[in-house]
N, C-alpha and C. Protein backbone atom coordinates (compact mmCIF):
# COMPACT_ATOMS: atom_id res chain seq x y z
N UNK A 1 -26.56 45.09 -59.82
CA UNK A 1 -27.81 44.68 -60.39
C UNK A 1 -28.31 45.81 -61.28
N UNK A 2 -28.80 45.45 -62.45
CA UNK A 2 -29.30 46.46 -63.37
C UNK A 2 -30.72 46.88 -62.97
N UNK A 3 -31.16 47.99 -63.52
CA UNK A 3 -32.51 48.46 -63.26
C UNK A 3 -33.53 47.45 -63.75
N UNK A 4 -33.27 46.85 -64.91
CA UNK A 4 -34.18 45.84 -65.46
C UNK A 4 -34.31 44.64 -64.54
N UNK A 5 -33.19 44.19 -63.99
CA UNK A 5 -33.22 43.05 -63.06
C UNK A 5 -34.00 43.41 -61.80
N UNK A 6 -33.80 44.62 -61.31
CA UNK A 6 -34.51 45.05 -60.10
C UNK A 6 -36.01 45.13 -60.37
N UNK A 7 -36.40 45.64 -61.53
CA UNK A 7 -37.82 45.73 -61.86
C UNK A 7 -38.42 44.33 -62.02
N UNK A 8 -37.66 43.40 -62.60
CA UNK A 8 -38.14 42.03 -62.75
C UNK A 8 -38.38 41.41 -61.37
N UNK A 9 -37.45 41.63 -60.43
CA UNK A 9 -37.60 41.10 -59.09
C UNK A 9 -38.81 41.72 -58.39
N UNK A 10 -39.01 43.01 -58.59
CA UNK A 10 -40.16 43.68 -57.97
C UNK A 10 -41.46 43.15 -58.55
N UNK A 11 -41.53 42.95 -59.87
CA UNK A 11 -42.72 42.36 -60.49
C UNK A 11 -43.00 40.98 -59.91
N UNK A 12 -41.95 40.18 -59.78
CA UNK A 12 -42.10 38.84 -59.22
C UNK A 12 -42.61 38.90 -57.78
N UNK A 13 -42.06 39.82 -57.01
CA UNK A 13 -42.42 39.92 -55.60
C UNK A 13 -43.87 40.34 -55.41
N UNK A 14 -44.41 41.10 -56.36
CA UNK A 14 -45.76 41.61 -56.19
C UNK A 14 -46.80 40.82 -56.97
N UNK A 15 -46.39 39.78 -57.70
CA UNK A 15 -47.35 38.99 -58.47
C UNK A 15 -48.07 37.99 -57.57
N UNK A 16 -49.21 37.52 -58.05
CA UNK A 16 -49.99 36.53 -57.31
C UNK A 16 -49.73 35.11 -57.81
N UNK A 17 -48.75 34.93 -58.67
CA UNK A 17 -48.44 33.61 -59.23
C UNK A 17 -47.92 32.69 -58.14
N UNK A 18 -48.12 31.37 -58.30
CA UNK A 18 -47.57 30.42 -57.33
C UNK A 18 -46.06 30.60 -57.20
N UNK A 19 -45.53 30.41 -56.02
CA UNK A 19 -44.12 30.64 -55.77
C UNK A 19 -43.40 29.32 -55.49
N UNK A 20 -42.25 29.17 -56.13
CA UNK A 20 -41.37 28.05 -55.84
C UNK A 20 -40.27 28.52 -54.91
N UNK A 21 -39.31 27.64 -54.57
CA UNK A 21 -38.23 28.02 -53.65
C UNK A 21 -37.43 29.23 -54.14
N UNK A 22 -37.15 29.28 -55.45
CA UNK A 22 -36.37 30.42 -55.97
C UNK A 22 -37.17 31.70 -55.88
N UNK A 23 -38.47 31.63 -56.20
CA UNK A 23 -39.32 32.81 -56.11
C UNK A 23 -39.41 33.31 -54.67
N UNK A 24 -39.52 32.39 -53.73
CA UNK A 24 -39.60 32.76 -52.32
C UNK A 24 -38.30 33.44 -51.87
N UNK A 25 -37.17 32.92 -52.33
CA UNK A 25 -35.88 33.51 -51.99
C UNK A 25 -35.77 34.93 -52.56
N UNK A 26 -36.22 35.12 -53.80
CA UNK A 26 -36.18 36.45 -54.41
C UNK A 26 -37.12 37.41 -53.68
N UNK A 27 -38.28 36.93 -53.29
CA UNK A 27 -39.20 37.76 -52.54
C UNK A 27 -38.59 38.18 -51.21
N UNK A 28 -37.96 37.25 -50.53
CA UNK A 28 -37.29 37.57 -49.26
C UNK A 28 -36.19 38.60 -49.48
N UNK A 29 -35.44 38.46 -50.56
CA UNK A 29 -34.39 39.44 -50.87
C UNK A 29 -34.98 40.82 -51.11
N UNK A 30 -36.03 40.90 -51.89
CA UNK A 30 -36.68 42.20 -52.17
C UNK A 30 -37.20 42.80 -50.88
N UNK A 31 -37.86 42.01 -50.05
CA UNK A 31 -38.39 42.52 -48.78
C UNK A 31 -37.26 43.00 -47.87
N UNK A 32 -36.14 42.28 -47.87
CA UNK A 32 -34.99 42.67 -47.05
C UNK A 32 -34.41 44.00 -47.53
N UNK A 33 -34.26 44.14 -48.84
CA UNK A 33 -33.72 45.39 -49.41
C UNK A 33 -34.64 46.56 -49.07
N UNK A 34 -35.95 46.35 -49.21
CA UNK A 34 -36.90 47.42 -48.89
C UNK A 34 -36.82 47.79 -47.41
N UNK A 35 -36.72 46.80 -46.55
CA UNK A 35 -36.65 47.07 -45.11
C UNK A 35 -35.35 47.79 -44.75
N UNK A 36 -34.24 47.38 -45.37
CA UNK A 36 -32.96 48.05 -45.11
C UNK A 36 -32.97 49.50 -45.61
N UNK A 37 -33.66 49.72 -46.72
CA UNK A 37 -33.75 51.09 -47.25
C UNK A 37 -34.49 52.01 -46.28
N UNK A 38 -35.40 51.44 -45.50
CA UNK A 38 -36.15 52.24 -44.54
C UNK A 38 -35.52 52.30 -43.16
N UNK A 39 -34.44 51.56 -42.96
CA UNK A 39 -33.78 51.54 -41.64
C UNK A 39 -33.12 52.89 -41.38
N UNK A 40 -33.32 53.40 -40.19
CA UNK A 40 -32.76 54.72 -39.84
C UNK A 40 -31.68 54.64 -38.76
N UNK A 41 -31.62 53.53 -38.05
CA UNK A 41 -30.62 53.39 -36.99
C UNK A 41 -29.92 52.04 -37.13
N UNK A 42 -28.82 51.87 -36.43
CA UNK A 42 -28.12 50.59 -36.44
C UNK A 42 -29.00 49.50 -35.83
N UNK A 43 -29.83 49.87 -34.86
CA UNK A 43 -30.76 48.90 -34.28
C UNK A 43 -31.78 48.42 -35.32
N UNK A 44 -32.24 49.34 -36.18
CA UNK A 44 -33.15 48.97 -37.26
C UNK A 44 -32.47 47.99 -38.23
N UNK A 45 -31.22 48.30 -38.59
CA UNK A 45 -30.46 47.43 -39.50
C UNK A 45 -30.28 46.05 -38.87
N UNK A 46 -29.93 46.02 -37.59
CA UNK A 46 -29.73 44.74 -36.90
C UNK A 46 -31.02 43.94 -36.86
N UNK A 47 -32.14 44.60 -36.64
CA UNK A 47 -33.42 43.91 -36.59
C UNK A 47 -33.77 43.29 -37.95
N UNK A 48 -33.56 44.04 -39.02
CA UNK A 48 -33.81 43.53 -40.36
C UNK A 48 -32.88 42.35 -40.67
N UNK A 49 -31.60 42.50 -40.36
CA UNK A 49 -30.63 41.43 -40.62
C UNK A 49 -30.98 40.17 -39.83
N UNK A 50 -31.35 40.34 -38.58
CA UNK A 50 -31.71 39.20 -37.72
C UNK A 50 -32.94 38.48 -38.27
N UNK A 51 -33.96 39.23 -38.60
CA UNK A 51 -35.20 38.65 -39.12
C UNK A 51 -34.96 37.93 -40.45
N UNK A 52 -34.21 38.56 -41.34
CA UNK A 52 -33.93 37.95 -42.64
C UNK A 52 -33.08 36.70 -42.50
N UNK A 53 -32.09 36.72 -41.61
CA UNK A 53 -31.24 35.55 -41.40
C UNK A 53 -32.06 34.38 -40.88
N UNK A 54 -32.99 34.66 -39.99
CA UNK A 54 -33.88 33.60 -39.47
C UNK A 54 -34.73 33.02 -40.59
N UNK A 55 -35.31 33.91 -41.39
CA UNK A 55 -36.21 33.48 -42.46
C UNK A 55 -35.46 32.70 -43.54
N UNK A 56 -34.28 33.15 -43.92
CA UNK A 56 -33.54 32.53 -45.00
C UNK A 56 -32.89 31.22 -44.57
N UNK A 57 -32.24 31.23 -43.41
CA UNK A 57 -31.43 30.06 -43.04
C UNK A 57 -31.78 29.42 -41.71
N UNK A 58 -32.72 30.00 -40.99
CA UNK A 58 -33.05 29.46 -39.68
C UNK A 58 -32.03 29.83 -38.62
N UNK A 59 -31.21 30.85 -38.91
CA UNK A 59 -30.17 31.27 -37.96
C UNK A 59 -30.79 31.77 -36.66
N UNK A 60 -30.05 31.61 -35.58
CA UNK A 60 -30.50 32.10 -34.28
C UNK A 60 -30.25 33.60 -34.11
N UNK A 61 -29.35 34.15 -34.91
CA UNK A 61 -29.04 35.57 -34.80
C UNK A 61 -27.98 35.96 -35.80
N UNK A 62 -27.49 37.17 -35.65
CA UNK A 62 -26.44 37.70 -36.52
C UNK A 62 -25.39 38.38 -35.65
N UNK A 63 -24.23 38.58 -36.22
CA UNK A 63 -23.16 39.29 -35.49
C UNK A 63 -22.66 40.44 -36.35
N UNK A 64 -22.45 41.57 -35.73
CA UNK A 64 -21.87 42.73 -36.40
C UNK A 64 -20.50 42.96 -35.79
N UNK A 65 -19.49 43.11 -36.64
CA UNK A 65 -18.13 43.37 -36.18
C UNK A 65 -17.75 44.76 -36.66
N UNK A 66 -17.64 45.71 -35.73
CA UNK A 66 -17.31 47.08 -36.13
C UNK A 66 -15.87 47.20 -36.64
N UNK A 67 -15.67 48.15 -37.53
CA UNK A 67 -14.33 48.42 -38.05
C UNK A 67 -13.97 49.86 -37.77
N UNK A 68 -12.70 50.08 -37.57
CA UNK A 68 -12.17 51.42 -37.46
C UNK A 68 -11.12 51.53 -38.55
N UNK A 69 -11.49 52.15 -39.67
CA UNK A 69 -10.62 52.17 -40.82
C UNK A 69 -10.54 50.77 -41.41
N UNK A 70 -9.34 50.24 -41.53
CA UNK A 70 -9.16 48.89 -42.08
C UNK A 70 -9.04 47.83 -41.01
N UNK A 71 -9.11 48.24 -39.73
CA UNK A 71 -8.94 47.30 -38.63
C UNK A 71 -10.27 46.92 -38.01
N UNK A 72 -10.41 45.64 -37.66
CA UNK A 72 -11.59 45.21 -36.92
C UNK A 72 -11.41 45.57 -35.45
N UNK A 73 -12.48 45.96 -34.81
CA UNK A 73 -12.45 46.33 -33.41
C UNK A 73 -12.92 45.11 -32.60
N UNK A 74 -12.07 44.53 -31.76
CA UNK A 74 -12.49 43.34 -30.99
C UNK A 74 -13.63 43.68 -30.06
N UNK A 75 -14.53 42.70 -29.89
CA UNK A 75 -15.72 42.91 -29.06
C UNK A 75 -15.57 42.55 -27.67
């Protein structure tokens, strides 16, 4: 994403204009990116991912699959 695109999304997210479905999705994306930027632990990342997945798709949760190099580590 270019800097211009990011600034456009930020302007949209902070405006008071009526929001349609696309605007709401962009706002959710911006809020998710901001929350992930502030995450300091894996628990913080999981909390942001879980909350965003619920908001975007109504998901019940998320799954993280750890990797060791190029191999997935079975859970």
